[in-house]
Protein backbone atom coordinates (compact mmCIF):
# COMPACT_ATOMS: atom_id res chain seq x y z
CA MET A 1 95.61 74.37 24.19
CA PRO A 2 94.27 71.07 25.26
CA LYS A 3 93.48 68.70 22.18
CA HIS A 4 89.82 68.49 21.68
CA THR A 5 87.76 65.38 21.46
CA GLN A 6 85.37 65.59 18.42
CA PHE A 7 82.04 63.60 18.11
CA LYS A 8 79.84 63.25 15.17
CA VAL A 9 76.17 63.65 16.98
CA GLY A 10 72.96 62.95 15.38
CA GLY A 11 69.19 63.90 15.90
CA VAL A 12 65.99 64.68 14.21
CA PRO A 13 65.63 68.16 13.02
CA GLU A 14 62.56 68.70 15.23
CA HIS A 15 61.90 71.03 18.29
CA PHE A 16 62.67 68.20 20.99
CA ASN A 17 66.74 68.96 19.95
CA LEU A 18 66.56 72.64 20.55
CA PRO A 19 68.62 72.03 23.97
CA TRP A 20 71.49 70.33 21.39
CA LYS A 21 71.43 73.29 18.92
CA LYS A 22 71.69 75.94 21.84
CA ALA A 23 74.58 74.40 23.37
CA ILE A 24 76.40 73.91 20.44
CA GLU A 25 75.64 77.57 19.29
CA GLU A 26 76.89 78.91 22.67
CA ASN A 27 80.14 76.93 22.80
CA ARG A 28 79.29 75.35 25.55
CA PHE A 29 80.82 72.06 24.51
CA ALA A 30 83.96 73.90 23.10
CA SER A 31 84.74 75.45 26.29
CA HIS A 32 85.24 71.90 27.64
CA ALA A 33 87.51 71.04 24.74
CA ILE A 34 84.77 68.93 23.14
CA ASP A 35 83.75 69.66 19.44
CA ILE A 36 80.22 68.45 18.29
CA ASP A 37 79.80 67.56 14.48
CA TRP A 38 76.11 67.67 14.53
CA LYS A 39 73.97 66.37 11.61
CA ASP A 40 69.91 66.56 11.26
CA TYR A 41 68.55 63.03 10.49
CA GLY A 42 65.59 63.53 8.44
CA GLY A 43 65.00 59.74 8.00
CA GLY A 44 64.68 59.51 11.91
CA THR A 45 65.60 56.82 14.13
CA GLY A 46 66.13 54.04 11.14
CA ALA A 47 68.77 56.30 9.68
CA MET A 48 70.54 56.93 12.89
CA THR A 49 70.66 53.40 13.74
CA LYS A 50 72.32 52.74 10.56
CA ALA A 51 74.70 55.49 11.03
CA LEU A 52 75.83 54.31 14.39
CA ARG A 53 76.09 50.84 12.83
CA GLU A 54 78.36 52.01 10.15
CA GLY A 55 80.39 54.56 12.41
CA GLU A 56 79.03 57.42 10.76
CA LEU A 57 77.84 58.76 14.03
CA ASP A 58 79.14 58.40 17.81
CA ILE A 59 76.38 59.50 19.46
CA ALA A 60 72.39 59.57 18.54
CA ILE A 61 69.32 61.07 20.01
CA LEU A 62 66.76 58.53 19.05
CA LEU A 63 63.65 56.86 19.67
CA THR A 64 63.70 54.33 22.77
CA GLU A 65 61.60 51.53 20.79
CA GLY A 66 64.05 51.84 17.71
CA ILE A 67 67.59 51.37 19.12
CA ILE A 68 66.40 48.77 21.77
CA ALA A 69 65.29 46.65 18.76
CA ASP A 70 68.22 47.59 16.70
CA ILE A 71 70.88 46.56 19.55
CA HIS A 72 68.88 43.08 19.55
CA ARG A 73 70.02 42.70 15.80
CA GLY A 74 73.53 43.46 16.38
CA ASN A 75 73.92 47.40 16.79
CA ARG A 76 77.06 47.58 18.82
CA SER A 77 75.73 50.76 21.03
CA LYS A 78 74.28 51.52 24.28
CA ILE A 79 71.68 53.64 25.76
CA VAL A 80 73.51 56.19 28.17
CA GLN A 81 70.56 57.95 29.47
CA PHE A 82 66.75 59.05 28.54
CA TYR A 83 66.54 62.34 26.86
CA VAL A 84 62.62 62.96 26.58
CA LYS A 85 60.95 61.21 29.28
CA SER A 86 57.35 61.93 27.97
CA PRO A 87 55.86 59.91 25.44
CA LEU A 88 55.65 61.05 21.76
CA ARG A 89 52.43 61.91 20.63
CA TRP A 90 52.46 59.86 17.23
CA GLY A 91 49.82 61.40 14.96
CA VAL A 92 47.85 58.77 12.38
CA HIS A 93 47.61 60.77 9.47
CA VAL A 94 45.67 60.57 6.05
CA ASN A 95 45.74 62.47 2.87
CA ALA A 96 42.94 64.83 3.52
CA ASN A 97 41.16 63.61 0.47
CA SER A 98 41.18 59.83 1.28
CA PRO A 99 37.97 57.93 2.42
CA PHE A 100 39.15 57.09 5.55
CA LYS A 101 37.42 58.71 8.86
CA THR A 102 38.67 56.57 11.67
CA LEU A 103 41.65 54.37 12.95
CA GLU A 104 39.23 51.11 12.36
CA ASP A 105 39.20 52.13 8.49
CA LEU A 106 42.76 51.63 8.39
CA GLU A 107 43.10 47.72 9.29
CA ASN A 108 44.87 46.05 6.38
CA THR A 109 45.86 49.13 4.63
CA ARG A 110 49.31 50.23 3.65
CA ALA A 111 51.46 52.49 6.40
CA ALA A 112 54.22 54.70 4.91
CA ILE A 113 57.34 54.16 7.17
CA SER A 114 60.66 56.04 7.20
CA ARG A 115 62.55 52.71 7.14
CA TYR A 116 62.14 49.14 8.57
CA GLY A 117 63.11 49.24 12.23
CA SER A 118 62.26 52.96 12.58
CA GLY A 119 59.91 54.43 15.08
CA SER A 120 57.10 55.00 12.40
CA HIS A 121 57.69 51.29 11.57
CA LEU A 122 57.59 50.03 14.90
CA MET A 123 54.74 52.03 16.22
CA ALA A 124 52.50 51.13 13.45
CA TYR A 125 52.79 47.71 14.79
CA VAL A 126 51.98 49.02 18.19
CA ASN A 127 48.84 50.71 16.84
CA ALA A 128 47.88 47.55 15.00
CA ASP A 129 48.20 45.87 18.31
CA ASN A 130 46.18 48.14 20.40
CA HIS A 131 43.50 47.65 17.88
CA ASN A 132 43.99 43.74 17.77
CA TRP A 133 44.77 43.62 13.88
CA ASP A 134 46.43 40.85 12.39
CA LEU A 135 50.39 41.79 13.01
CA ASN A 136 51.12 39.54 10.12
CA LYS A 137 48.78 41.33 7.49
CA GLN A 138 50.44 44.81 8.12
CA LYS A 139 51.81 46.32 4.79
CA PHE A 140 54.47 49.05 4.64
CA GLU A 141 55.95 51.25 1.84
CA VAL A 142 59.09 52.96 2.72
CA VAL A 143 59.27 56.79 2.31
CA LYS A 144 62.61 57.65 4.13
CA THR A 145 61.59 61.05 5.48
CA LEU A 146 58.41 63.19 6.23
CA HIS A 147 58.43 64.62 2.96
CA GLY A 148 58.30 61.18 1.41
CA GLY A 149 55.37 60.60 3.49
CA ARG A 150 53.77 63.62 2.05
CA GLU A 151 54.54 62.22 -1.16
CA SER A 152 53.57 58.57 -0.40
CA LEU A 153 50.32 59.81 0.59
CA ALA A 154 49.58 62.30 -2.12
CA ASP A 155 50.32 59.82 -4.78
CA ARG A 156 48.13 56.89 -2.86
CA LYS A 157 51.26 54.73 -2.82
CA SER A 158 50.40 54.39 0.96
CA ASP A 159 47.21 54.90 3.08
CA TYR A 160 48.41 56.15 6.41
CA PHE A 161 51.47 57.79 8.21
CA LEU A 162 52.57 57.65 11.81
CA TRP A 163 54.76 60.72 12.66
CA GLU A 164 54.87 63.31 15.60
CA LYS A 165 51.86 65.04 15.28
CA PHE A 166 53.32 68.76 16.28
CA THR A 167 55.85 68.36 13.62
CA THR A 168 53.27 67.15 11.06
CA LYS A 169 50.49 70.14 12.45
CA PRO A 170 51.55 72.28 9.31
CA PHE A 171 50.36 70.07 6.82
CA VAL A 172 47.26 69.21 8.74
CA ASP A 173 46.52 72.87 8.93
CA ASN A 174 47.03 73.74 5.19
CA GLY A 175 44.65 70.97 4.14
CA GLU A 176 47.23 68.34 2.87
CA PHE A 177 46.75 65.68 6.08
CA ARG A 178 43.75 65.02 8.12
CA ILE A 179 44.62 63.23 11.64
CA ILE A 180 41.85 60.74 12.28
CA GLY A 181 43.76 59.37 15.65
CA GLU A 182 46.68 59.27 18.14
CA CYS A 183 49.11 56.26 19.30
CA PRO A 184 51.19 58.03 22.10
CA SER A 185 54.27 55.92 22.83
CA PRO A 186 53.86 53.75 26.03
CA TRP A 187 57.40 54.74 27.41
CA PRO A 188 59.82 57.63 27.56
CA SER A 189 60.41 58.81 23.83
CA PHE A 190 64.17 59.53 23.41
CA VAL A 191 67.30 58.32 24.61
CA VAL A 192 70.81 59.17 24.14
CA ALA A 193 72.76 56.12 22.73
CA VAL A 194 76.68 56.16 21.92
CA ARG A 195 78.60 53.40 20.22
CA GLU A 196 80.27 51.03 22.64
CA ASP A 197 83.66 51.67 21.07
CA VAL A 198 83.37 55.40 22.02
CA LEU A 199 82.14 54.60 25.42
CA ILE A 200 85.08 52.68 25.80
CA SER A 201 87.53 55.25 24.70
CA HIS A 202 85.98 58.45 25.74
CA SER A 203 83.85 57.45 28.25
CA GLU A 204 84.73 60.94 30.38
CA ASP A 205 84.28 63.37 27.74
CA VAL A 206 80.73 61.37 27.01
CA GLU A 207 79.81 62.16 30.55
CA LYS A 208 80.41 65.96 29.89
CA VAL A 209 78.61 65.98 27.07
CA LEU A 210 75.66 64.62 28.81
CA ASN A 211 76.12 67.00 31.65
CA ILE A 212 76.31 69.99 29.37
CA VAL A 213 73.12 68.92 27.27
CA ASN A 214 71.12 68.26 30.77
CA GLU A 215 71.81 71.88 31.97
CA ALA A 216 70.83 73.42 28.49
CA CYS A 217 67.36 71.22 28.89
CA LYS A 218 66.81 72.55 32.26
CA GLU A 219 67.35 76.13 30.90
CA VAL A 220 64.93 75.81 27.98
CA LYS A 221 62.14 74.24 30.11
CA ALA A 222 62.78 77.06 32.57
CA SER A 223 62.44 80.03 30.04
CA GLN A 224 59.10 80.69 28.73
CA SER A 225 60.91 82.68 26.00
CA SER A 226 61.57 79.02 24.56
CA ILE A 227 57.85 78.79 23.37
CA ASP A 228 58.49 81.64 20.98
CA GLU A 229 62.15 80.52 19.94
CA ILE A 230 60.62 76.84 18.81
CA ALA A 231 57.59 78.29 16.99
CA LYS A 232 60.31 80.67 15.27
CA ARG A 233 63.09 78.05 14.42
CA TYR A 234 60.64 75.26 13.64
CA GLU A 235 58.03 77.40 11.73
CA LEU A 236 55.25 76.10 14.28
CA LYS A 237 52.45 78.06 15.77
CA LYS A 238 52.92 79.36 18.94
CA GLU A 239 49.69 77.95 20.35
CA ASP A 240 50.68 74.61 19.18
CA VAL A 241 54.20 75.12 20.59
CA ALA A 242 52.75 75.97 24.00
CA ILE A 243 51.18 72.58 24.28
CA TRP A 244 53.61 70.68 23.40
CA PHE A 245 56.11 72.36 25.72
CA GLU A 246 53.66 71.99 28.37
CA GLU A 247 53.67 68.21 27.85
CA THR A 248 57.27 67.81 27.16
CA VAL A 249 59.76 66.36 29.85
CA TRP A 250 63.38 66.50 29.32
CA THR A 251 65.53 64.47 31.78
CA TYR A 252 68.35 65.72 33.80
CA ASN A 253 70.22 63.13 34.91
CA GLY A 254 71.88 59.94 33.90
CA LYS A 255 69.30 57.31 35.43
CA VAL A 256 68.27 54.57 33.12
CA GLU A 257 65.14 52.68 35.01
CA THR A 258 65.61 48.77 34.66
CA GLU A 259 61.61 48.41 34.74
CA ILE A 260 61.29 50.72 31.73
CA ILE A 261 63.73 49.13 29.53
CA ASN A 262 62.24 45.48 30.42
CA GLN A 263 58.76 46.86 29.64
CA VAL A 264 59.66 48.20 26.11
CA GLN A 265 61.26 44.97 25.40
CA GLU A 266 58.18 42.97 26.80
CA ARG A 267 55.81 44.85 24.19
CA LEU A 268 58.38 44.49 21.25
CA LEU A 269 58.29 40.72 22.11
CA SER A 270 54.54 40.66 22.31
CA ILE A 271 54.22 42.16 18.84
CA GLU A 272 57.10 39.72 17.59
CA ILE A 273 59.88 42.67 16.88
CA ILE A 274 62.40 40.98 19.05
CA ASP A 275 62.94 37.14 19.63
CA GLU A 276 63.97 37.23 23.44
CA LYS A 277 64.58 40.03 26.18
CA MET A 278 68.54 41.27 26.82
CA ASN A 279 69.90 41.61 30.16
CA PHE A 280 69.78 45.55 31.13
CA ASN A 281 73.71 45.56 30.95
CA ALA A 282 73.45 44.55 27.36
CA LEU A 283 71.52 47.50 26.65
CA CYS A 284 72.33 50.34 28.72
CA SER A 285 75.39 51.67 30.18
CA PRO A 286 73.96 54.68 31.95
CA PHE A 287 75.92 57.55 33.85
CA GLY A 288 74.71 58.65 37.42
CA ARG A 289 73.87 55.25 38.94
CA GLU A 290 75.12 51.61 39.03
CA PRO A 291 72.73 49.52 36.85
CA LYS A 292 70.84 46.67 38.86
CA ALA A 293 71.85 43.31 37.21
CA THR A 294 69.01 41.86 35.90
CA LYS A 295 67.81 38.39 34.33
CA SER A 296 66.73 38.48 30.91
């Protein structure tokens, strides 16, 4: 019997990762002599970039902007493929009893963020930039998780909170949150990133993992029963899942477009999250095609 390769893999405990969960449950990786040790990261992208840095994760499914910003800060990982090509619909949430009615009311108030460098942090800057707010006046309260964000808004320690709107929909429905706007990510939402040392030592097995997941994504998207399954697993209303499912586009190949990576870098540069652009090959090591050499 061949020796199994084990990968420590992390992702958010949300509906986007159903293909990974199903592939694990159906022993698809094990049949290729690969063991996946999956961990849910309620703290999101900021928690996963930290885990990649510290060797607690080999592979992470995380937000495009978050991993690009962290590679700029020295994270020795590479993007190997886009995972969800469609934008993330960030809801801008406030406590239901707060006085805030519009996005304009939130200027110079406090944003709850899971961590510095997380999607909720970076997208708060994007949202501020979209409304021409002074980026130097942004104030943040670190809350670690969605649960922490709920507590922070309830205790008035922060004023608003950006999070994926379908994940938070139950808390809007129960009267805890009000959603007063959206801030869709202006790029593909999720990528798969792998530590550089893992790519060097286990490139073939990483490619097998991606092929298995991409096939699982195709099957989930093709099956109408997925809507019922997601609603049940993640305790969401079927009608909300149906909207999300229609909008969500998983990717099924290893392509990472240079143009999109540059677009993300240009926006992060404009809002002063990064200081300069990096070459495509310093950020990405995609399977499925040879990346073009690009000037930074």
